[in-house]
Amino acid sequence: MAIEKRWEDGEEIFTPVCDTCGDALEDEWDFDDAVAAKKAAGWRSRKIDGEWIDICPYCQEKEKHEQAMNDFAGLKGRF
């Protein structure tokens, strides 16, 4: 789950958590504030197999790098 919800002292707290590495942003008292916080921090949301996942900027860069390496490996021997 991309935004974790828990109860503390009778109040709902929402915490954006990266679904790839588990890094978390600050707690928010409102779901919409948690969504705004992750967008402001450069996180991206993606729907995979019907579920929303959130990815922090570090993991986004890591994915790009891994994809580039895979693309390059696929070109090996073509030239």
N, C-alpha and C. Protein backbone atom coordinates (compact mmCIF):
# COMPACT_ATOMS: atom_id res chain seq x y z
N MET A 1 0.85 -1.19 0.00
CA MET A 1 0.00 0.00 0.00
C MET A 1 0.88 1.23 0.00
N ALA A 2 0.62 2.12 -0.87
CA ALA A 2 1.45 3.29 -1.08
C ALA A 2 1.34 4.32 0.04
N ILE A 3 0.15 4.55 0.54
CA ILE A 3 -0.02 5.45 1.68
C ILE A 3 -0.58 4.60 2.81
N GLU A 4 0.22 4.44 3.84
CA GLU A 4 -0.20 3.63 4.98
C GLU A 4 -1.05 4.47 5.91
N LYS A 5 -2.10 3.84 6.41
CA LYS A 5 -2.99 4.53 7.35
C LYS A 5 -2.91 3.80 8.68
N ARG A 6 -2.80 4.57 9.76
CA ARG A 6 -2.83 4.00 11.10
C ARG A 6 -3.52 4.97 12.04
N TRP A 7 -3.85 4.47 13.20
CA TRP A 7 -4.51 5.28 14.20
C TRP A 7 -3.53 5.59 15.32
N GLU A 8 -3.53 6.85 15.76
CA GLU A 8 -2.69 7.25 16.89
C GLU A 8 -3.49 8.24 17.74
N ASP A 9 -3.69 7.90 18.99
CA ASP A 9 -4.48 8.74 19.90
C ASP A 9 -5.85 9.08 19.32
N GLY A 10 -6.47 8.09 18.67
CA GLY A 10 -7.82 8.29 18.11
C GLY A 10 -7.87 9.06 16.81
N GLU A 11 -6.72 9.40 16.26
CA GLU A 11 -6.65 10.16 15.01
C GLU A 11 -6.05 9.31 13.90
N GLU A 12 -6.56 9.48 12.68
CA GLU A 12 -5.97 8.80 11.54
C GLU A 12 -4.69 9.52 11.13
N ILE A 13 -3.66 8.74 10.82
CA ILE A 13 -2.40 9.29 10.33
C ILE A 13 -2.08 8.57 9.02
N PHE A 14 -1.65 9.34 8.03
CA PHE A 14 -1.33 8.80 6.71
C PHE A 14 0.14 9.03 6.42
N THR A 15 0.83 7.97 6.03
CA THR A 15 2.26 8.05 5.77
C THR A 15 2.57 7.52 4.37
N PRO A 16 3.06 8.39 3.46
CA PRO A 16 3.49 7.89 2.15
C PRO A 16 4.73 7.02 2.30
N VAL A 17 4.69 5.81 1.70
CA VAL A 17 5.79 4.86 1.78
C VAL A 17 6.11 4.39 0.37
N CYS A 18 7.40 4.42 0.00
CA CYS A 18 7.83 3.93 -1.31
C CYS A 18 7.62 2.42 -1.36
N ASP A 19 6.91 1.97 -2.37
CA ASP A 19 6.63 0.54 -2.50
C ASP A 19 7.83 -0.25 -2.99
N THR A 20 8.90 0.42 -3.39
CA THR A 20 10.10 -0.28 -3.84
C THR A 20 11.11 -0.45 -2.71
N CYS A 21 11.47 0.66 -2.05
CA CYS A 21 12.52 0.60 -1.03
C CYS A 21 12.02 0.74 0.41
N GLY A 22 10.76 1.18 0.59
CA GLY A 22 10.22 1.32 1.93
C GLY A 22 10.50 2.66 2.58
N ASP A 23 11.17 3.58 1.86
CA ASP A 23 11.43 4.91 2.41
C ASP A 23 10.08 5.60 2.65
N ALA A 24 10.01 6.41 3.70
CA ALA A 24 8.75 7.05 4.06
C ALA A 24 8.92 8.55 4.19
N LEU A 25 7.85 9.27 3.90
CA LEU A 25 7.81 10.72 4.13
C LEU A 25 7.20 10.97 5.51
N GLU A 26 7.11 12.23 5.87
CA GLU A 26 6.54 12.60 7.16
C GLU A 26 5.06 12.20 7.23
N ASP A 27 4.60 11.93 8.44
CA ASP A 27 3.19 11.62 8.65
C ASP A 27 2.33 12.84 8.31
N GLU A 28 1.13 12.57 7.82
CA GLU A 28 0.15 13.62 7.54
C GLU A 28 -1.15 13.25 8.23
N TRP A 29 -1.95 14.25 8.59
CA TRP A 29 -3.21 14.02 9.29
C TRP A 29 -4.38 13.86 8.33
N ASP A 30 -4.12 14.06 7.04
CA ASP A 30 -5.18 14.00 6.04
C ASP A 30 -4.65 13.25 4.82
N PHE A 31 -5.47 12.37 4.23
CA PHE A 31 -5.05 11.59 3.07
C PHE A 31 -4.63 12.51 1.92
N ASP A 32 -5.42 13.54 1.65
CA ASP A 32 -5.09 14.46 0.55
C ASP A 32 -3.77 15.18 0.79
N ASP A 33 -3.46 15.48 2.05
CA ASP A 33 -2.17 16.10 2.37
C ASP A 33 -1.02 15.12 2.11
N ALA A 34 -1.25 13.84 2.38
CA ALA A 34 -0.23 12.82 2.12
C ALA A 34 0.02 12.70 0.62
N VAL A 35 -1.04 12.75 -0.18
CA VAL A 35 -0.90 12.71 -1.64
C VAL A 35 -0.14 13.94 -2.12
N ALA A 36 -0.48 15.11 -1.60
CA ALA A 36 0.21 16.35 -2.00
C ALA A 36 1.68 16.29 -1.60
N ALA A 37 1.99 15.73 -0.44
CA ALA A 37 3.38 15.65 0.04
C ALA A 37 4.21 14.76 -0.88
N LYS A 38 3.66 13.62 -1.27
CA LYS A 38 4.45 12.72 -2.14
C LYS A 38 4.65 13.34 -3.51
N LYS A 39 3.65 14.04 -4.03
CA LYS A 39 3.82 14.71 -5.33
C LYS A 39 4.87 15.82 -5.23
N ALA A 40 4.82 16.59 -4.14
CA ALA A 40 5.79 17.67 -3.95
C ALA A 40 7.21 17.14 -3.80
N ALA A 41 7.34 15.92 -3.29
CA ALA A 41 8.66 15.31 -3.10
C ALA A 41 9.16 14.60 -4.36
N GLY A 42 8.36 14.64 -5.43
CA GLY A 42 8.79 14.05 -6.70
C GLY A 42 8.47 12.57 -6.85
N TRP A 43 7.62 12.05 -5.98
CA TRP A 43 7.23 10.65 -6.09
C TRP A 43 6.28 10.48 -7.27
N ARG A 44 6.25 9.29 -7.84
CA ARG A 44 5.36 8.96 -8.95
C ARG A 44 4.46 7.81 -8.55
N SER A 45 3.23 7.86 -9.00
CA SER A 45 2.28 6.77 -8.76
C SER A 45 2.07 6.02 -10.06
N ARG A 46 1.87 4.72 -9.92
CA ARG A 46 1.68 3.87 -11.08
C ARG A 46 0.71 2.75 -10.69
N LYS A 47 -0.17 2.39 -11.61
CA LYS A 47 -1.10 1.30 -11.34
C LYS A 47 -0.57 0.03 -12.00
N ILE A 48 -0.35 -1.00 -11.20
CA ILE A 48 0.16 -2.28 -11.68
C ILE A 48 -0.77 -3.37 -11.16
N ASP A 49 -1.29 -4.15 -12.10
CA ASP A 49 -2.21 -5.24 -11.75
C ASP A 49 -3.35 -4.77 -10.86
N GLY A 50 -3.88 -3.58 -11.17
CA GLY A 50 -5.03 -3.05 -10.43
C GLY A 50 -4.71 -2.39 -9.11
N GLU A 51 -3.44 -2.33 -8.73
CA GLU A 51 -3.04 -1.71 -7.47
C GLU A 51 -2.14 -0.51 -7.72
N TRP A 52 -2.39 0.56 -6.97
CA TRP A 52 -1.53 1.74 -7.06
C TRP A 52 -0.27 1.52 -6.26
N ILE A 53 0.86 1.86 -6.84
CA ILE A 53 2.13 1.84 -6.12
C ILE A 53 2.76 3.22 -6.23
N ASP A 54 3.55 3.58 -5.26
CA ASP A 54 4.28 4.85 -5.25
C ASP A 54 5.76 4.58 -5.25
N ILE A 55 6.48 5.37 -6.03
CA ILE A 55 7.92 5.18 -6.17
C ILE A 55 8.63 6.51 -5.90
N CYS A 56 9.58 6.49 -4.97
CA CYS A 56 10.34 7.69 -4.61
C CYS A 56 11.31 8.05 -5.74
N PRO A 57 11.83 9.28 -5.74
CA PRO A 57 12.76 9.70 -6.80
C PRO A 57 14.00 8.81 -6.91
N TYR A 58 14.55 8.35 -5.78
CA TYR A 58 15.73 7.49 -5.83
C TYR A 58 15.43 6.21 -6.61
N CYS A 59 14.31 5.58 -6.30
CA CYS A 59 13.95 4.33 -6.98
C CYS A 59 13.58 4.58 -8.44
N GLN A 60 13.04 5.75 -8.74
CA GLN A 60 12.74 6.10 -10.13
C GLN A 60 14.03 6.14 -10.94
N GLU A 61 15.05 6.77 -10.39
CA GLU A 61 16.35 6.85 -11.08
C GLU A 61 16.97 5.47 -11.21
N LYS A 62 16.85 4.68 -10.16
CA LYS A 62 17.39 3.32 -10.19
C LYS A 62 16.70 2.51 -11.29
N GLU A 63 15.38 2.64 -11.41
CA GLU A 63 14.63 1.95 -12.47
C GLU A 63 15.11 2.38 -13.85
N LYS A 64 15.29 3.70 -14.02
CA LYS A 64 15.77 4.23 -15.32
C LYS A 64 17.12 3.63 -15.67
N HIS A 65 18.01 3.60 -14.69
CA HIS A 65 19.36 3.07 -14.90
C HIS A 65 19.29 1.59 -15.27
N GLU A 66 18.49 0.83 -14.52
CA GLU A 66 18.36 -0.60 -14.80
C GLU A 66 17.76 -0.84 -16.18
N GLN A 67 16.78 -0.03 -16.57
CA GLN A 67 16.17 -0.17 -17.88
C GLN A 67 17.18 0.15 -18.98
N ALA A 68 17.97 1.19 -18.77
CA ALA A 68 19.00 1.55 -19.76
C ALA A 68 20.03 0.43 -19.90
N MET A 69 20.41 -0.17 -18.78
CA MET A 69 21.37 -1.27 -18.83
C MET A 69 20.77 -2.48 -19.57
N ASN A 70 19.50 -2.75 -19.33
CA ASN A 70 18.83 -3.85 -20.02
C ASN A 70 18.72 -3.57 -21.52
N ASP A 71 18.40 -2.32 -21.86
CA ASP A 71 18.31 -1.94 -23.27
C ASP A 71 19.67 -2.09 -23.94
N PHE A 72 20.73 -1.65 -23.27
CA PHE A 72 22.07 -1.74 -23.82
C PHE A 72 22.48 -3.20 -23.98
N ALA A 73 22.16 -4.02 -22.99
CA ALA A 73 22.50 -5.45 -23.05
C ALA A 73 21.79 -6.12 -24.23
N GLY A 74 20.58 -5.65 -24.53
CA GLY A 74 19.83 -6.21 -25.65
C GLY A 74 20.43 -5.85 -27.00
N LEU A 75 21.23 -4.80 -27.04
CA LEU A 75 21.87 -4.38 -28.29
C LEU A 75 23.20 -5.08 -28.53
N LYS A 76 23.72 -5.72 -27.49
CA LYS A 76 25.02 -6.38 -27.58
C LYS A 76 25.05 -7.34 -28.77
N GLY A 77 26.09 -7.29 -29.56
CA GLY A 77 26.26 -8.21 -30.68
C GLY A 77 25.53 -7.78 -31.94
N ARG A 78 24.78 -6.67 -31.89
CA ARG A 78 24.04 -6.21 -33.06
C ARG A 78 24.90 -5.33 -33.97
N PHE A 79 26.03 -4.89 -33.48
CA PHE A 79 26.85 -3.97 -34.27
C PHE A 79 28.19 -4.60 -34.59
